[in-house]
Amino acid sequence: PMLDWLKQSSYLGIILFLTLTGIGLPVPEEVPIVAAGVASAGKDPALDWYYALPACMVGALLGDGVWDWIGWIGLGACVAVTIWALMARRHR
């Protein structure tokens, strides 16, 4: 039963880990993708590649999309204005 639970929750773990690496976790995004490929290979794979591949794609898109969303709501502009304001103060 524990192995079945681990296999089912691994796809969600792939999505979560890839999302965190896209947000800023200091691990290359290729590491969980290669790990999912290795876990999907062999005679008795721990993961099914048919579900691991979309999990990798969704996780990578979510991780990159978080920064796009932050920029879209305007926080990127606020940070840029603040940085420019601080730099302008130093030069005055």
PDB file of N, CA and C in Angstrom:
ATOM      1  N   PRO A   1       0.808  -1.209   0.000  1.00  0.00           N
ATOM      2  CA  PRO A   1       0.000   0.000   0.000  1.00  0.00           C
ATOM      3  C   PRO A   1       0.856   1.281   0.000  1.00  0.00           C
ATOM      4  N   MET A   2       1.957   1.288   0.752  1.00  0.00           N
ATOM      5  CA  MET A   2       2.786   2.486   0.816  1.00  0.00           C
ATOM      6  C   MET A   2       3.433   2.761  -0.534  1.00  0.00           C
ATOM      7  N   LEU A   3       3.855   1.716  -1.226  1.00  0.00           N
ATOM      8  CA  LEU A   3       4.475   1.893  -2.534  1.00  0.00           C
ATOM      9  C   LEU A   3       3.464   2.430  -3.538  1.00  0.00           C
ATOM     10  N   ASP A   4       2.233   1.967  -3.461  1.00  0.00           N
ATOM     11  CA  ASP A   4       1.191   2.486  -4.348  1.00  0.00           C
ATOM     12  C   ASP A   4       0.933   3.969  -4.072  1.00  0.00           C
ATOM     13  N   TRP A   5       0.909   4.357  -2.793  1.00  0.00           N
ATOM     14  CA  TRP A   5       0.705   5.758  -2.451  1.00  0.00           C
ATOM     15  C   TRP A   5       1.866   6.600  -2.957  1.00  0.00           C
ATOM     16  N   LEU A   6       3.089   6.074  -2.827  1.00  0.00           N
ATOM     17  CA  LEU A   6       4.273   6.789  -3.284  1.00  0.00           C
ATOM     18  C   LEU A   6       4.237   6.980  -4.794  1.00  0.00           C
ATOM     19  N   LYS A   7       3.825   5.955  -5.508  1.00  0.00           N
ATOM     20  CA  LYS A   7       3.746   6.066  -6.962  1.00  0.00           C
ATOM     21  C   LYS A   7       2.707   7.095  -7.382  1.00  0.00           C
ATOM     22  N   GLN A   8       1.576   7.132  -6.693  1.00  0.00           N
ATOM     23  CA  GLN A   8       0.522   8.077  -7.051  1.00  0.00           C
ATOM     24  C   GLN A   8       0.901   9.505  -6.688  1.00  0.00           C
ATOM     25  N   SER A   9       1.563   9.689  -5.573  1.00  0.00           N
ATOM     26  CA  SER A   9       1.901  11.046  -5.149  1.00  0.00           C
ATOM     27  C   SER A   9       3.175  11.550  -5.823  1.00  0.00           C
ATOM     28  N   SER A  10       3.899  10.721  -6.517  1.00  0.00           N
ATOM     29  CA  SER A  10       5.128  11.148  -7.166  1.00  0.00           C
ATOM     30  C   SER A  10       4.864  12.147  -8.278  1.00  0.00           C
ATOM     31  N   TYR A  11       3.770  12.016  -8.972  1.00  0.00           N
ATOM     32  CA  TYR A  11       3.464  12.955 -10.048  1.00  0.00           C
ATOM     33  C   TYR A  11       3.196  14.345  -9.483  1.00  0.00           C
ATOM     34  N   LEU A  12       2.500  14.412  -8.366  1.00  0.00           N
ATOM     35  CA  LEU A  12       2.273  15.684  -7.711  1.00  0.00           C
ATOM     36  C   LEU A  12       3.588  16.249  -7.164  1.00  0.00           C
ATOM     37  N   GLY A  13       4.454  15.370  -6.691  1.00  0.00           N
ATOM     38  CA  GLY A  13       5.771  15.791  -6.220  1.00  0.00           C
ATOM     39  C   GLY A  13       6.625  16.372  -7.330  1.00  0.00           C
ATOM     40  N   ILE A  14       6.528  15.788  -8.517  1.00  0.00           N
ATOM     41  CA  ILE A  14       7.255  16.317  -9.676  1.00  0.00           C
ATOM     42  C   ILE A  14       6.759  17.720  -9.985  1.00  0.00           C
ATOM     43  N   ILE A  15       5.451  17.904  -9.993  1.00  0.00           N
ATOM     44  CA  ILE A  15       4.879  19.222 -10.279  1.00  0.00           C
ATOM     45  C   ILE A  15       5.323  20.234  -9.229  1.00  0.00           C
ATOM     46  N   LEU A  16       5.245  19.861  -7.962  1.00  0.00           N
ATOM     47  CA  LEU A  16       5.622  20.763  -6.884  1.00  0.00           C
ATOM     48  C   LEU A  16       7.101  21.120  -6.950  1.00  0.00           C
ATOM     49  N   PHE A  17       7.957  20.133  -7.152  1.00  0.00           N
ATOM     50  CA  PHE A  17       9.402  20.369  -7.183  1.00  0.00           C
ATOM     51  C   PHE A  17       9.783  21.255  -8.367  1.00  0.00           C
ATOM     52  N   LEU A  18       9.202  21.003  -9.537  1.00  0.00           N
ATOM     53  CA  LEU A  18       9.495  21.835 -10.700  1.00  0.00           C
ATOM     54  C   LEU A  18       8.957  23.249 -10.517  1.00  0.00           C
ATOM     55  N   THR A  19       7.825  23.389  -9.875  1.00  0.00           N
ATOM     56  CA  THR A  19       7.302  24.726  -9.602  1.00  0.00           C
ATOM     57  C   THR A  19       8.242  25.481  -8.674  1.00  0.00           C
ATOM     58  N   LEU A  20       8.746  24.809  -7.640  1.00  0.00           N
ATOM     59  CA  LEU A  20       9.673  25.456  -6.714  1.00  0.00           C
ATOM     60  C   LEU A  20      10.994  25.826  -7.384  1.00  0.00           C
ATOM     61  N   THR A  21      11.486  24.991  -8.290  1.00  0.00           N
ATOM     62  CA  THR A  21      12.727  25.345  -8.989  1.00  0.00           C
ATOM     63  C   THR A  21      12.499  26.528  -9.919  1.00  0.00           C
ATOM     64  N   GLY A  22      11.315  26.638 -10.489  1.00  0.00           N
ATOM     65  CA  GLY A  22      11.011  27.790 -11.330  1.00  0.00           C
ATOM     66  C   GLY A  22      10.878  29.066 -10.528  1.00  0.00           C
ATOM     67  N   ILE A  23      10.426  28.947  -9.295  1.00  0.00           N
ATOM     68  CA  ILE A  23      10.258  30.114  -8.436  1.00  0.00           C
ATOM     69  C   ILE A  23      11.611  30.587  -7.899  1.00  0.00           C
ATOM     70  N   GLY A  24      12.554  29.693  -7.712  1.00  0.00           N
ATOM     71  CA  GLY A  24      13.851  30.145  -7.222  1.00  0.00           C
ATOM     72  C   GLY A  24      14.622  29.136  -6.404  1.00  0.00           C
ATOM     73  N   LEU A  25      14.117  27.937  -6.240  1.00  0.00           N
ATOM     74  CA  LEU A  25      14.876  26.910  -5.541  1.00  0.00           C
ATOM     75  C   LEU A  25      16.177  26.679  -6.300  1.00  0.00           C
ATOM     76  N   PRO A  26      17.326  26.748  -5.635  1.00  0.00           N
ATOM     77  CA  PRO A  26      18.602  26.698  -6.364  1.00  0.00           C
ATOM     78  C   PRO A  26      18.997  25.303  -6.851  1.00  0.00           C
ATOM     79  N   VAL A  27      18.139  24.715  -7.630  1.00  0.00           N
ATOM     80  CA  VAL A  27      18.393  23.422  -8.258  1.00  0.00           C
ATOM     81  C   VAL A  27      17.999  23.570  -9.725  1.00  0.00           C
ATOM     82  N   PRO A  28      18.818  23.093 -10.645  1.00  0.00           N
ATOM     83  CA  PRO A  28      18.421  23.195 -12.055  1.00  0.00           C
ATOM     84  C   PRO A  28      17.114  22.453 -12.325  1.00  0.00           C
ATOM     85  N   GLU A  29      16.299  22.998 -13.209  1.00  0.00           N
ATOM     86  CA  GLU A  29      15.010  22.370 -13.518  1.00  0.00           C
ATOM     87  C   GLU A  29      15.184  21.028 -14.213  1.00  0.00           C
ATOM     88  N   GLU A  30      16.345  20.786 -14.777  1.00  0.00           N
ATOM     89  CA  GLU A  30      16.576  19.533 -15.491  1.00  0.00           C
ATOM     90  C   GLU A  30      16.677  18.335 -14.549  1.00  0.00           C
ATOM     91  N   VAL A  31      17.041  18.574 -13.297  1.00  0.00           N
ATOM     92  CA  VAL A  31      17.235  17.468 -12.347  1.00  0.00           C
ATOM     93  C   VAL A  31      15.953  16.658 -12.138  1.00  0.00           C
ATOM     94  N   PRO A  32      14.808  17.273 -11.791  1.00  0.00           N
ATOM     95  CA  PRO A  32      13.600  16.450 -11.629  1.00  0.00           C
ATOM     96  C   PRO A  32      13.094  15.874 -12.946  1.00  0.00           C
ATOM     97  N   ILE A  33      13.371  16.547 -14.055  1.00  0.00           N
ATOM     98  CA  ILE A  33      12.940  16.004 -15.343  1.00  0.00           C
ATOM     99  C   ILE A  33      13.712  14.733 -15.669  1.00  0.00           C
ATOM    100  N   VAL A  34      15.024  14.762 -15.463  1.00  0.00           N
ATOM    101  CA  VAL A  34      15.841  13.565 -15.700  1.00  0.00           C
ATOM    102  C   VAL A  34      15.474  12.468 -14.701  1.00  0.00           C
ATOM    103  N   ALA A  35      15.232  12.855 -13.445  1.00  0.00           N
ATOM    104  CA  ALA A  35      14.841  11.864 -12.431  1.00  0.00           C
ATOM    105  C   ALA A  35      13.518  11.193 -12.799  1.00  0.00           C
ATOM    106  N   ALA A  36      12.577  11.953 -13.335  1.00  0.00           N
ATOM    107  CA  ALA A  36      11.303  11.365 -13.764  1.00  0.00           C
ATOM    108  C   ALA A  36      11.523  10.420 -14.935  1.00  0.00           C
ATOM    109  N   GLY A  37      12.438  10.765 -15.827  1.00  0.00           N
ATOM    110  CA  GLY A  37      12.752   9.880 -16.943  1.00  0.00           C
ATOM    111  C   GLY A  37      13.397   8.586 -16.485  1.00  0.00           C
ATOM    112  N   VAL A  38      14.308   8.693 -15.529  1.00  0.00           N
ATOM    113  CA  VAL A  38      14.967   7.495 -15.001  1.00  0.00           C
ATOM    114  C   VAL A  38      13.956   6.619 -14.257  1.00  0.00           C
ATOM    115  N   ALA A  39      13.066   7.255 -13.491  1.00  0.00           N
ATOM    116  CA  ALA A  39      12.059   6.479 -12.760  1.00  0.00           C
ATOM    117  C   ALA A  39      11.029   5.854 -13.693  1.00  0.00           C
ATOM    118  N   SER A  40      10.922   6.369 -14.909  1.00  0.00           N
ATOM    119  CA  SER A  40       9.964   5.828 -15.883  1.00  0.00           C
ATOM    120  C   SER A  40      10.572   4.766 -16.784  1.00  0.00           C
ATOM    121  N   ALA A  41      11.853   4.525 -16.668  1.00  0.00           N
ATOM    122  CA  ALA A  41      12.542   3.570 -17.546  1.00  0.00           C
ATOM    123  C   ALA A  41      12.684   2.210 -16.867  1.00  0.00           C
ATOM    124  N   GLY A  42      13.033   1.238 -17.651  1.00  0.00           N
ATOM    125  CA  GLY A  42      13.293  -0.095 -17.123  1.00  0.00           C
ATOM    126  C   GLY A  42      12.129  -1.049 -17.303  1.00  0.00           C
ATOM    127  N   LYS A  43      12.343  -2.271 -16.810  1.00  0.00           N
ATOM    128  CA  LYS A  43      11.316  -3.306 -16.946  1.00  0.00           C
ATOM    129  C   LYS A  43      10.169  -3.100 -15.971  1.00  0.00           C
ATOM    130  N   ASP A  44      10.488  -2.654 -14.745  1.00  0.00           N
ATOM    131  CA  ASP A  44       9.455  -2.411 -13.735  1.00  0.00           C
ATOM    132  C   ASP A  44       9.575  -0.958 -13.268  1.00  0.00           C
ATOM    133  N   PRO A  45       9.078  -0.013 -14.079  1.00  0.00           N
ATOM    134  CA  PRO A  45       9.273   1.408 -13.734  1.00  0.00           C
ATOM    135  C   PRO A  45       8.436   1.836 -12.533  1.00  0.00           C
ATOM    136  N   ALA A  46       8.999   2.761 -11.754  1.00  0.00           N
ATOM    137  CA  ALA A  46       8.277   3.296 -10.599  1.00  0.00           C
ATOM    138  C   ALA A  46       7.211   4.291 -11.032  1.00  0.00           C
ATOM    139  N   LEU A  47       7.427   4.943 -12.180  1.00  0.00           N
ATOM    140  CA  LEU A  47       6.469   5.906 -12.707  1.00  0.00           C
ATOM    141  C   LEU A  47       6.079   5.513 -14.125  1.00  0.00           C
ATOM    142  N   ASP A  48       4.916   5.938 -14.519  1.00  0.00           N
ATOM    143  CA  ASP A  48       4.469   5.734 -15.884  1.00  0.00           C
ATOM    144  C   ASP A  48       4.831   6.982 -16.680  1.00  0.00           C
ATOM    145  N   TRP A  49       5.574   6.811 -17.767  1.00  0.00           N
ATOM    146  CA  TRP A  49       6.037   7.973 -18.532  1.00  0.00           C
ATOM    147  C   TRP A  49       4.877   8.783 -19.096  1.00  0.00           C
ATOM    148  N   TYR A  50       3.756   8.109 -19.319  1.00  0.00           N
ATOM    149  CA  TYR A  50       2.582   8.759 -19.890  1.00  0.00           C
ATOM    150  C   TYR A  50       2.035   9.838 -18.946  1.00  0.00           C
ATOM    151  N   TYR A  51       2.244   9.675 -17.639  1.00  0.00           N
ATOM    152  CA  TYR A  51       1.816  10.672 -16.660  1.00  0.00           C
ATOM    153  C   TYR A  51       2.981  11.543 -16.192  1.00  0.00           C
ATOM    154  N   ALA A  52       4.187  11.016 -16.220  1.00  0.00           N
ATOM    155  CA  ALA A  52       5.356  11.782 -15.773  1.00  0.00           C
ATOM    156  C   ALA A  52       5.672  12.925 -16.726  1.00  0.00           C
ATOM    157  N   LEU A  53       5.516  12.702 -18.021  1.00  0.00           N
ATOM    158  CA  LEU A  53       5.803  13.748 -18.998  1.00  0.00           C
ATOM    159  C   LEU A  53       4.874  14.953 -18.829  1.00  0.00           C
ATOM    160  N   PRO A  54       3.550  14.774 -18.753  1.00  0.00           N
ATOM    161  CA  PRO A  54       2.700  15.944 -18.503  1.00  0.00           C
ATOM    162  C   PRO A  54       2.953  16.589 -17.141  1.00  0.00           C
ATOM    163  N   ALA A  55       3.318  15.787 -16.135  1.00  0.00           N
ATOM    164  CA  ALA A  55       3.633  16.360 -14.820  1.00  0.00           C
ATOM    165  C   ALA A  55       4.834  17.280 -14.919  1.00  0.00           C
ATOM    166  N   CYS A  56       5.848  16.882 -15.683  1.00  0.00           N
ATOM    167  CA  CYS A  56       7.019  17.732 -15.891  1.00  0.00           C
ATOM    168  C   CYS A  56       6.640  19.006 -16.633  1.00  0.00           C
ATOM    169  N   MET A  57       5.811  18.884 -17.631  1.00  0.00           N
ATOM    170  CA  MET A  57       5.410  20.054 -18.410  1.00  0.00           C
ATOM    171  C   MET A  57       4.590  21.030 -17.568  1.00  0.00           C
ATOM    172  N   VAL A  58       3.659  20.512 -16.792  1.00  0.00           N
ATOM    173  CA  VAL A  58       2.821  21.367 -15.945  1.00  0.00           C
ATOM    174  C   VAL A  58       3.666  22.056 -14.875  1.00  0.00           C
ATOM    175  N   GLY A  59       4.574  21.313 -14.253  1.00  0.00           N
ATOM    176  CA  GLY A  59       5.426  21.904 -13.217  1.00  0.00           C
ATOM    177  C   GLY A  59       6.322  23.003 -13.755  1.00  0.00           C
ATOM    178  N   ALA A  60       6.915  22.785 -14.920  1.00  0.00           N
ATOM    179  CA  ALA A  60       7.779  23.809 -15.515  1.00  0.00           C
ATOM    180  C   ALA A  60       6.970  25.042 -15.903  1.00  0.00           C
ATOM    181  N   LEU A  61       5.787  24.840 -16.453  1.00  0.00           N
ATOM    182  CA  LEU A  61       4.948  25.978 -16.836  1.00  0.00           C
ATOM    183  C   LEU A  61       4.446  26.748 -15.616  1.00  0.00           C
ATOM    184  N   LEU A  62       4.106  26.046 -14.551  1.00  0.00           N
ATOM    185  CA  LEU A  62       3.671  26.731 -13.336  1.00  0.00           C
ATOM    186  C   LEU A  62       4.798  27.547 -12.721  1.00  0.00           C
ATOM    187  N   GLY A  63       6.002  26.975 -12.680  1.00  0.00           N
ATOM    188  CA  GLY A  63       7.141  27.691 -12.115  1.00  0.00           C
ATOM    189  C   GLY A  63       7.465  28.956 -12.879  1.00  0.00           C
ATOM    190  N   ASP A  64       7.419  28.890 -14.188  1.00  0.00           N
ATOM    191  CA  ASP A  64       7.674  30.074 -15.001  1.00  0.00           C
ATOM    192  C   ASP A  64       6.491  31.032 -14.972  1.00  0.00           C
ATOM    193  N   GLY A  65       5.306  30.494 -14.867  1.00  0.00           N
ATOM    194  CA  GLY A  65       4.112  31.321 -14.857  1.00  0.00           C
ATOM    195  C   GLY A  65       3.961  32.161 -13.602  1.00  0.00           C
ATOM    196  N   VAL A  66       4.539  31.707 -12.493  1.00  0.00           N
ATOM    197  CA  VAL A  66       4.453  32.487 -11.255  1.00  0.00           C
ATOM    198  C   VAL A  66       5.122  33.838 -11.450  1.00  0.00           C
ATOM    199  N   TRP A  67       6.299  33.848 -12.056  1.00  0.00           N
ATOM    200  CA  TRP A  67       6.993  35.123 -12.285  1.00  0.00           C
ATOM    201  C   TRP A  67       6.249  35.982 -13.299  1.00  0.00           C
ATOM    202  N   ASP A  68       5.657  35.359 -14.294  1.00  0.00           N
ATOM    203  CA  ASP A  68       4.858  36.123 -15.247  1.00  0.00           C
ATOM    204  C   ASP A  68       3.650  36.751 -14.552  1.00  0.00           C
ATOM    205  N   TRP A  69       3.030  36.021 -13.672  1.00  0.00           N
ATOM    206  CA  TRP A  69       1.880  36.536 -12.938  1.00  0.00           C
ATOM    207  C   TRP A  69       2.284  37.695 -12.034  1.00  0.00           C
ATOM    208  N   ILE A  70       3.429  37.561 -11.360  1.00  0.00           N
ATOM    209  CA  ILE A  70       3.916  38.642 -10.502  1.00  0.00           C
ATOM    210  C   ILE A  70       4.162  39.900 -11.334  1.00  0.00           C
ATOM    211  N   GLY A  71       4.774  39.747 -12.490  1.00  0.00           N
ATOM    212  CA  GLY A  71       4.990  40.901 -13.358  1.00  0.00           C
ATOM    213  C   GLY A  71       3.696  41.470 -13.893  1.00  0.00           C
ATOM    214  N   TRP A  72       2.745  40.608 -14.139  1.00  0.00           N
ATOM    215  CA  TRP A  72       1.473  41.060 -14.703  1.00  0.00           C
ATOM    216  C   TRP A  72       0.684  41.897 -13.710  1.00  0.00           C
ATOM    217  N   ILE A  73       0.732  41.533 -12.431  1.00  0.00           N
ATOM    218  CA  ILE A  73      -0.033  42.301 -11.451  1.00  0.00           C
ATOM    219  C   ILE A  73       0.683  43.585 -11.048  1.00  0.00           C
ATOM    220  N   GLY A  74       1.886  43.788 -11.538  1.00  0.00           N
ATOM    221  CA  GLY A  74       2.543  45.064 -11.331  1.00  0.00           C
ATOM    222  C   GLY A  74       3.613  45.103 -10.272  1.00  0.00           C
ATOM    223  N   LEU A  75       3.879  44.000  -9.614  1.00  0.00           N
ATOM    224  CA  LEU A  75       4.921  44.024  -8.595  1.00  0.00           C
ATOM    225  C   LEU A  75       6.296  44.232  -9.214  1.00  0.00           C
ATOM    226  N   GLY A  76       6.466  43.768 -10.430  1.00  0.00           N
ATOM    227  CA  GLY A  76       7.741  43.978 -11.106  1.00  0.00           C
ATOM    228  C   GLY A  76       8.002  45.454 -11.333  1.00  0.00           C
ATOM    229  N   ALA A  77       6.985  46.203 -11.698  1.00  0.00           N
ATOM    230  CA  ALA A  77       7.132  47.639 -11.907  1.00  0.00           C
ATOM    231  C   ALA A  77       7.426  48.352 -10.592  1.00  0.00           C
ATOM    232  N   CYS A  78       6.806  47.921  -9.515  1.00  0.00           N
ATOM    233  CA  CYS A  78       7.058  48.534  -8.210  1.00  0.00           C
ATOM    234  C   CYS A  78       8.504  48.326  -7.784  1.00  0.00           C
ATOM    235  N   VAL A  79       9.013  47.145  -7.982  1.00  0.00           N
ATOM    236  CA  VAL A  79      10.401  46.854  -7.624  1.00  0.00           C
ATOM    237  C   VAL A  79      11.343  47.671  -8.492  1.00  0.00           C
ATOM    238  N   ALA A  80      11.060  47.751  -9.781  1.00  0.00           N
ATOM    239  CA  ALA A  80      11.918  48.511 -10.690  1.00  0.00           C
ATOM    240  C   ALA A  80      11.917  49.986 -10.318  1.00  0.00           C
ATOM    241  N   VAL A  81      10.765  50.549 -10.007  1.00  0.00           N
ATOM    242  CA  VAL A  81      10.687  51.959  -9.618  1.00  0.00           C
ATOM    243  C   VAL A  81      11.460  52.189  -8.333  1.00  0.00           C
ATOM    244  N   THR A  82      11.337  51.282  -7.382  1.00  0.00           N
ATOM    245  CA  THR A  82      12.040  51.416  -6.112  1.00  0.00           C
ATOM    246  C   THR A  82      13.548  51.363  -6.324  1.00  0.00           C
ATOM    247  N   ILE A  83      14.018  50.456  -7.145  1.00  0.00           N
ATOM    248  CA  ILE A  83      15.450  50.350  -7.401  1.00  0.00           C
ATOM    249  C   ILE A  83      15.958  51.616  -8.079  1.00  0.00           C
ATOM    250  N   TRP A  84      15.218  52.102  -9.072  1.00  0.00           N
ATOM    251  CA  TRP A  84      15.630  53.335  -9.750  1.00  0.00           C
ATOM    252  C   TRP A  84      15.599  54.523  -8.796  1.00  0.00           C
ATOM    253  N   ALA A  85      14.625  54.565  -7.907  1.00  0.00           N
ATOM    254  CA  ALA A  85      14.548  55.659  -6.942  1.00  0.00           C
ATOM    255  C   ALA A  85      15.743  55.624  -5.989  1.00  0.00           C
ATOM    256  N   LEU A  86      16.114  54.452  -5.550  1.00  0.00           N
ATOM    257  CA  LEU A  86      17.280  54.339  -4.667  1.00  0.00           C
ATOM    258  C   LEU A  86      18.566  54.742  -5.383  1.00  0.00           C
ATOM    259  N   MET A  87      18.685  54.357  -6.639  1.00  0.00           N
ATOM    260  CA  MET A  87      19.877  54.721  -7.394  1.00  0.00           C
ATOM    261  C   MET A  87      19.930  56.224  -7.653  1.00  0.00           C
ATOM    262  N   ALA A  88      18.777  56.832  -7.901  1.00  0.00           N
ATOM    263  CA  ALA A  88      18.733  58.274  -8.149  1.00  0.00           C
ATOM    264  C   ALA A  88      19.099  59.044  -6.883  1.00  0.00           C
ATOM    265  N   ARG A  89      18.690  58.571  -5.742  1.00  0.00           N
ATOM    266  CA  ARG A  89      19.031  59.228  -4.474  1.00  0.00           C
ATOM    267  C   ARG A  89      20.532  59.210  -4.219  1.00  0.00           C
ATOM    268  N   ARG A  90      21.158  58.123  -4.567  1.00  0.00           N
ATOM    269  CA  ARG A  90      22.612  58.009  -4.346  1.00  0.00           C
ATOM    270  C   ARG A  90      23.377  59.007  -5.200  1.00  0.00           C
ATOM    271  N   HIS A  91      22.879  59.287  -6.376  1.00  0.00           N
ATOM    272  CA  HIS A  91      23.590  60.189  -7.291  1.00  0.00           C
ATOM    273  C   HIS A  91      23.325  61.658  -6.999  1.00  0.00           C
ATOM    274  N   ARG A  92      22.347  61.973  -6.189  1.00  0.00           N
ATOM    275  CA  ARG A  92      22.034  63.388  -5.886  1.00  0.00           C
ATOM    276  C   ARG A  92      22.954  63.935  -4.890  1.00  0.00           C
TER     277      ARG A  92
END
